[in-house]
Amino acid sequence: QVQLVESGGGLVQAGGSLRLSCAASGRTVGSYTMGWFRQAPGKDREFVARISWSGGITYYADFVKGRFAISRDNAKNTVYLQMNSLKPEDTAVYYCATVRGSTYDYWGQGTQVTVSS
């Protein structure tokens, strides 16, 4: 079993930055691809970014390319999402998850990000 806990969300003005963390416990996630997703009110959950187990391969949704950066520290069992140039439309609950192909075995409880205009 893997437990994932997101943190780092909050209220920020448009153009600001936040860094989200996803801390894993119960089992190492060093062998997992990890992903960040988000869900805005009234919308479906959507993919934001993912990172390979080694950290060498990353992939982003088009709407965050050039603004967000995903990284990981396997020694700390933690994945990060650096979010810059935030926009009001980035407002959502952000979740991390383990990724195996199209299967997401473990999810965190989410952290709220609110961007004011």
N, C-alpha and C. Protein backbone atom coordinates (compact mmCIF):
# COMPACT_ATOMS: atom_id res chain seq x y z
N GLN A 1 0.83 -1.19 0.00
CA GLN A 1 0.00 0.00 0.00
C GLN A 1 0.87 1.25 0.00
N VAL A 2 0.39 2.26 -0.67
CA VAL A 2 1.07 3.54 -0.74
C VAL A 2 0.10 4.61 -0.27
N GLN A 3 0.56 5.46 0.61
CA GLN A 3 -0.22 6.62 1.01
C GLN A 3 0.46 7.86 0.45
N LEU A 4 -0.33 8.71 -0.18
CA LEU A 4 0.17 9.94 -0.78
C LEU A 4 -0.48 11.13 -0.10
N VAL A 5 0.32 12.10 0.27
CA VAL A 5 -0.20 13.30 0.92
C VAL A 5 0.34 14.53 0.20
N GLU A 6 -0.57 15.30 -0.38
CA GLU A 6 -0.20 16.53 -1.06
C GLU A 6 -0.19 17.70 -0.08
N SER A 7 0.65 18.66 -0.34
CA SER A 7 0.70 19.88 0.45
C SER A 7 1.24 21.00 -0.42
N GLY A 8 1.13 22.22 0.10
CA GLY A 8 1.69 23.37 -0.60
C GLY A 8 0.68 24.23 -1.33
N GLY A 9 -0.57 23.80 -1.33
CA GLY A 9 -1.59 24.62 -1.97
C GLY A 9 -1.89 25.87 -1.17
N GLY A 10 -2.70 26.74 -1.76
CA GLY A 10 -3.06 27.96 -1.06
C GLY A 10 -3.65 28.97 -2.00
N LEU A 11 -3.75 30.20 -1.52
CA LEU A 11 -4.29 31.31 -2.30
C LEU A 11 -3.13 32.17 -2.80
N VAL A 12 -3.12 32.45 -4.09
CA VAL A 12 -2.06 33.25 -4.68
C VAL A 12 -2.66 34.16 -5.75
N GLN A 13 -2.04 35.29 -5.96
CA GLN A 13 -2.51 36.19 -7.02
C GLN A 13 -2.04 35.70 -8.38
N ALA A 14 -2.76 36.08 -9.40
CA ALA A 14 -2.37 35.75 -10.76
C ALA A 14 -0.94 36.23 -11.02
N GLY A 15 -0.16 35.38 -11.67
CA GLY A 15 1.23 35.67 -11.91
C GLY A 15 2.17 35.14 -10.85
N GLY A 16 1.61 34.69 -9.74
CA GLY A 16 2.42 34.18 -8.65
C GLY A 16 2.82 32.73 -8.84
N SER A 17 3.47 32.21 -7.81
CA SER A 17 4.00 30.85 -7.86
C SER A 17 3.64 30.07 -6.61
N LEU A 18 3.57 28.77 -6.77
CA LEU A 18 3.41 27.84 -5.66
C LEU A 18 4.20 26.59 -5.99
N ARG A 19 4.66 25.88 -4.95
CA ARG A 19 5.27 24.58 -5.15
C ARG A 19 4.49 23.55 -4.34
N LEU A 20 3.94 22.61 -5.04
CA LEU A 20 3.22 21.51 -4.40
C LEU A 20 4.17 20.36 -4.14
N SER A 21 3.89 19.66 -3.05
CA SER A 21 4.66 18.46 -2.71
C SER A 21 3.71 17.29 -2.57
N CYS A 22 4.20 16.13 -2.90
CA CYS A 22 3.45 14.89 -2.74
C CYS A 22 4.37 13.91 -2.03
N ALA A 23 4.10 13.69 -0.76
CA ALA A 23 4.94 12.81 0.05
C ALA A 23 4.31 11.42 0.13
N ALA A 24 5.12 10.42 -0.14
CA ALA A 24 4.65 9.05 -0.13
C ALA A 24 5.13 8.34 1.12
N SER A 25 4.30 7.45 1.60
CA SER A 25 4.68 6.62 2.74
C SER A 25 4.07 5.24 2.57
N GLY A 26 4.54 4.33 3.38
CA GLY A 26 4.01 2.97 3.33
C GLY A 26 4.80 2.07 2.41
N ARG A 27 5.33 2.66 1.37
CA ARG A 27 6.07 1.90 0.38
C ARG A 27 6.78 2.90 -0.50
N THR A 28 7.97 2.58 -0.95
CA THR A 28 8.67 3.51 -1.81
C THR A 28 7.98 3.66 -3.15
N VAL A 29 7.97 4.86 -3.66
CA VAL A 29 7.40 5.10 -4.98
C VAL A 29 8.50 5.31 -6.00
N GLY A 30 9.73 4.96 -5.61
CA GLY A 30 10.86 5.18 -6.49
C GLY A 30 10.77 4.44 -7.80
N SER A 31 9.98 3.36 -7.86
CA SER A 31 9.87 2.59 -9.10
C SER A 31 8.65 2.99 -9.92
N TYR A 32 7.87 3.94 -9.42
CA TYR A 32 6.64 4.35 -10.11
C TYR A 32 6.85 5.60 -10.95
N THR A 33 6.20 5.64 -12.09
CA THR A 33 5.93 6.93 -12.71
C THR A 33 4.91 7.63 -11.81
N MET A 34 5.08 8.92 -11.63
CA MET A 34 4.17 9.69 -10.79
C MET A 34 3.54 10.80 -11.61
N GLY A 35 2.31 11.12 -11.26
CA GLY A 35 1.61 12.16 -12.01
C GLY A 35 0.90 13.15 -11.12
N TRP A 36 0.68 14.33 -11.67
CA TRP A 36 -0.16 15.35 -11.04
C TRP A 36 -1.40 15.54 -11.92
N PHE A 37 -2.53 15.71 -11.25
CA PHE A 37 -3.80 15.92 -11.91
C PHE A 37 -4.51 17.05 -11.18
N ARG A 38 -5.57 17.57 -11.80
CA ARG A 38 -6.32 18.61 -11.10
C ARG A 38 -7.79 18.51 -11.47
N GLN A 39 -8.60 19.03 -10.58
CA GLN A 39 -10.04 19.04 -10.82
C GLN A 39 -10.60 20.37 -10.35
N ALA A 40 -11.14 21.12 -11.30
CA ALA A 40 -11.77 22.39 -11.01
C ALA A 40 -13.25 22.14 -10.72
N PRO A 41 -13.89 23.06 -10.01
CA PRO A 41 -15.32 22.88 -9.69
C PRO A 41 -16.16 22.69 -10.94
N GLY A 42 -16.97 21.65 -10.94
CA GLY A 42 -17.86 21.40 -12.06
C GLY A 42 -17.20 20.79 -13.27
N LYS A 43 -15.91 20.45 -13.16
CA LYS A 43 -15.19 19.88 -14.30
C LYS A 43 -14.63 18.51 -13.95
N ASP A 44 -14.29 17.76 -14.98
CA ASP A 44 -13.66 16.46 -14.77
C ASP A 44 -12.21 16.63 -14.34
N ARG A 45 -11.70 15.60 -13.67
CA ARG A 45 -10.29 15.61 -13.32
C ARG A 45 -9.47 15.53 -14.60
N GLU A 46 -8.38 16.32 -14.67
CA GLU A 46 -7.55 16.32 -15.87
C GLU A 46 -6.09 16.14 -15.53
N PHE A 47 -5.37 15.60 -16.49
CA PHE A 47 -3.94 15.38 -16.36
C PHE A 47 -3.19 16.71 -16.41
N VAL A 48 -2.16 16.83 -15.57
CA VAL A 48 -1.31 18.02 -15.58
C VAL A 48 0.11 17.69 -16.01
N ALA A 49 0.74 16.72 -15.35
CA ALA A 49 2.13 16.39 -15.65
C ALA A 49 2.46 15.00 -15.10
N ARG A 50 3.49 14.39 -15.66
CA ARG A 50 3.97 13.13 -15.10
C ARG A 50 5.48 13.06 -15.24
N ILE A 51 6.08 12.20 -14.42
CA ILE A 51 7.53 12.07 -14.40
C ILE A 51 7.88 10.60 -14.24
N SER A 52 8.88 10.16 -14.97
CA SER A 52 9.31 8.77 -14.91
C SER A 52 9.96 8.47 -13.57
N TRP A 53 10.15 7.19 -13.29
CA TRP A 53 10.69 6.79 -12.00
C TRP A 53 12.06 7.41 -11.75
N SER A 54 12.86 7.57 -12.80
CA SER A 54 14.21 8.13 -12.63
C SER A 54 14.21 9.65 -12.63
N GLY A 55 13.11 10.23 -13.07
CA GLY A 55 13.05 11.68 -13.21
C GLY A 55 13.56 12.17 -14.54
N GLY A 56 14.00 11.24 -15.39
CA GLY A 56 14.60 11.66 -16.63
C GLY A 56 13.62 12.01 -17.74
N ILE A 57 12.38 11.57 -17.60
CA ILE A 57 11.38 11.83 -18.63
C ILE A 57 10.18 12.51 -17.99
N THR A 58 9.83 13.64 -18.54
CA THR A 58 8.66 14.37 -18.05
C THR A 58 7.72 14.65 -19.22
N TYR A 59 6.46 14.85 -18.89
CA TYR A 59 5.45 15.13 -19.91
C TYR A 59 4.41 16.05 -19.29
N TYR A 60 3.97 17.04 -20.08
CA TYR A 60 3.06 18.05 -19.55
C TYR A 60 1.84 18.22 -20.44
N ALA A 61 0.75 18.59 -19.81
CA ALA A 61 -0.41 19.03 -20.57
C ALA A 61 -0.06 20.35 -21.25
N ASP A 62 -0.62 20.58 -22.42
CA ASP A 62 -0.27 21.79 -23.18
C ASP A 62 -0.54 23.05 -22.38
N PHE A 63 -1.57 23.05 -21.57
CA PHE A 63 -1.94 24.30 -20.90
C PHE A 63 -0.99 24.67 -19.76
N VAL A 64 -0.03 23.81 -19.41
CA VAL A 64 0.94 24.17 -18.37
C VAL A 64 2.38 24.19 -18.88
N LYS A 65 2.58 23.83 -20.13
CA LYS A 65 3.95 23.82 -20.66
C LYS A 65 4.59 25.19 -20.56
N GLY A 66 5.81 25.20 -20.06
CA GLY A 66 6.53 26.44 -19.90
C GLY A 66 6.23 27.18 -18.61
N ARG A 67 5.22 26.72 -17.87
CA ARG A 67 4.86 27.39 -16.60
C ARG A 67 5.07 26.46 -15.40
N PHE A 68 4.78 25.18 -15.56
CA PHE A 68 4.88 24.21 -14.47
C PHE A 68 6.08 23.30 -14.71
N ALA A 69 6.65 22.80 -13.61
CA ALA A 69 7.75 21.84 -13.71
C ALA A 69 7.57 20.76 -12.66
N ILE A 70 7.60 19.53 -13.10
CA ILE A 70 7.49 18.39 -12.18
C ILE A 70 8.88 17.84 -11.91
N SER A 71 9.11 17.45 -10.68
CA SER A 71 10.40 16.87 -10.30
C SER A 71 10.16 15.87 -9.17
N ARG A 72 11.20 15.13 -8.84
CA ARG A 72 11.06 14.17 -7.76
C ARG A 72 12.39 13.98 -7.04
N ASP A 73 12.28 13.58 -5.79
CA ASP A 73 13.43 13.23 -4.97
C ASP A 73 13.13 11.86 -4.40
N ASN A 74 13.67 10.83 -5.03
CA ASN A 74 13.34 9.46 -4.59
C ASN A 74 13.90 9.16 -3.21
N ALA A 75 14.97 9.82 -2.83
CA ALA A 75 15.52 9.62 -1.48
C ALA A 75 14.54 10.10 -0.42
N LYS A 76 13.75 11.10 -0.79
CA LYS A 76 12.74 11.63 0.14
C LYS A 76 11.35 11.09 -0.15
N ASN A 77 11.25 10.23 -1.16
CA ASN A 77 9.95 9.66 -1.52
C ASN A 77 8.92 10.76 -1.79
N THR A 78 9.35 11.80 -2.49
CA THR A 78 8.51 12.98 -2.68
C THR A 78 8.57 13.44 -4.14
N VAL A 79 7.41 13.87 -4.63
CA VAL A 79 7.30 14.44 -5.97
C VAL A 79 6.83 15.89 -5.82
N TYR A 80 7.32 16.75 -6.69
CA TYR A 80 7.01 18.18 -6.59
C TYR A 80 6.36 18.67 -7.88
N LEU A 81 5.62 19.76 -7.73
CA LEU A 81 5.10 20.47 -8.90
C LEU A 81 5.32 21.95 -8.65
N GLN A 82 6.28 22.51 -9.35
CA GLN A 82 6.54 23.95 -9.28
C GLN A 82 5.63 24.63 -10.27
N MET A 83 4.81 25.55 -9.79
CA MET A 83 3.83 26.22 -10.64
C MET A 83 4.15 27.72 -10.66
N ASN A 84 4.48 28.22 -11.83
CA ASN A 84 4.81 29.63 -12.01
C ASN A 84 3.79 30.28 -12.94
N SER A 85 3.77 31.60 -12.93
CA SER A 85 2.87 32.35 -13.81
C SER A 85 1.44 31.82 -13.71
N LEU A 86 0.99 31.66 -12.50
CA LEU A 86 -0.34 31.08 -12.29
C LEU A 86 -1.44 31.98 -12.82
N LYS A 87 -2.48 31.34 -13.32
CA LYS A 87 -3.64 32.03 -13.88
C LYS A 87 -4.89 31.65 -13.09
N PRO A 88 -5.92 32.48 -13.11
CA PRO A 88 -7.16 32.11 -12.41
C PRO A 88 -7.71 30.76 -12.86
N GLU A 89 -7.51 30.42 -14.11
CA GLU A 89 -8.02 29.13 -14.61
C GLU A 89 -7.23 27.94 -14.09
N ASP A 90 -6.14 28.18 -13.38
CA ASP A 90 -5.40 27.09 -12.73
C ASP A 90 -6.03 26.71 -11.39
N THR A 91 -7.03 27.47 -10.97
CA THR A 91 -7.71 27.17 -9.71
C THR A 91 -8.34 25.78 -9.77
N ALA A 92 -7.99 24.94 -8.80
CA ALA A 92 -8.46 23.56 -8.79
C ALA A 92 -7.91 22.86 -7.54
N VAL A 93 -8.42 21.68 -7.31
CA VAL A 93 -7.79 20.78 -6.34
C VAL A 93 -6.77 19.95 -7.11
N TYR A 94 -5.56 19.92 -6.63
CA TYR A 94 -4.47 19.21 -7.29
C TYR A 94 -4.18 17.91 -6.55
N TYR A 95 -4.07 16.85 -7.33
CA TYR A 95 -3.84 15.51 -6.79
C TYR A 95 -2.58 14.90 -7.39
N CYS A 96 -1.90 14.10 -6.60
CA CYS A 96 -0.83 13.28 -7.16
C CYS A 96 -1.28 11.83 -7.16
N ALA A 97 -0.67 11.04 -8.02
CA ALA A 97 -1.05 9.64 -8.16
C ALA A 97 0.10 8.84 -8.71
N THR A 98 0.12 7.55 -8.41
CA THR A 98 1.06 6.65 -9.06
C THR A 98 0.48 6.28 -10.42
N VAL A 99 1.35 6.10 -11.39
CA VAL A 99 0.92 5.86 -12.76
C VAL A 99 1.54 4.56 -13.27
N ARG A 100 0.70 3.65 -13.76
CA ARG A 100 1.17 2.45 -14.46
C ARG A 100 0.39 2.37 -15.76
N GLY A 101 0.97 2.89 -16.82
CA GLY A 101 0.26 2.93 -18.08
C GLY A 101 -0.95 3.83 -17.93
N SER A 102 -2.13 3.27 -18.10
CA SER A 102 -3.36 4.05 -17.95
C SER A 102 -4.04 3.76 -16.61
N THR A 103 -3.30 3.14 -15.71
CA THR A 103 -3.85 2.79 -14.39
C THR A 103 -3.24 3.66 -13.33
N TYR A 104 -4.09 4.17 -12.47
CA TYR A 104 -3.64 5.02 -11.37
C TYR A 104 -4.03 4.31 -10.08
N ASP A 105 -3.04 3.66 -9.47
CA ASP A 105 -3.34 2.79 -8.34
C ASP A 105 -3.60 3.56 -7.05
N TYR A 106 -2.84 4.58 -6.82
CA TYR A 106 -2.92 5.31 -5.54
C TYR A 106 -3.06 6.80 -5.79
N TRP A 107 -3.92 7.42 -5.00
CA TRP A 107 -4.18 8.85 -5.08
C TRP A 107 -4.03 9.49 -3.71
N GLY A 108 -3.62 10.75 -3.73
CA GLY A 108 -3.65 11.53 -2.51
C GLY A 108 -5.02 12.16 -2.32
N GLN A 109 -5.16 12.93 -1.26
CA GLN A 109 -6.46 13.54 -0.93
C GLN A 109 -6.64 14.89 -1.62
N GLY A 110 -5.57 15.41 -2.17
CA GLY A 110 -5.65 16.66 -2.91
C GLY A 110 -5.29 17.87 -2.07
N THR A 111 -4.85 18.92 -2.75
CA THR A 111 -4.56 20.19 -2.10
C THR A 111 -5.16 21.30 -2.96
N GLN A 112 -5.82 22.25 -2.33
CA GLN A 112 -6.54 23.31 -3.04
C GLN A 112 -5.58 24.41 -3.47
N VAL A 113 -5.67 24.78 -4.73
CA VAL A 113 -4.94 25.92 -5.27
C VAL A 113 -5.98 26.91 -5.77
N THR A 114 -5.90 28.13 -5.28
CA THR A 114 -6.82 29.18 -5.71
C THR A 114 -6.00 30.37 -6.19
N VAL A 115 -6.27 30.78 -7.43
CA VAL A 115 -5.55 31.89 -8.03
C VAL A 115 -6.53 33.03 -8.24
N SER A 116 -6.26 34.14 -7.60
CA SER A 116 -7.14 35.29 -7.71
C SER A 116 -6.68 36.21 -8.84
N SER A 117 -7.63 36.87 -9.45
CA SER A 117 -7.31 37.76 -10.58
C SER A 117 -7.01 39.17 -10.11
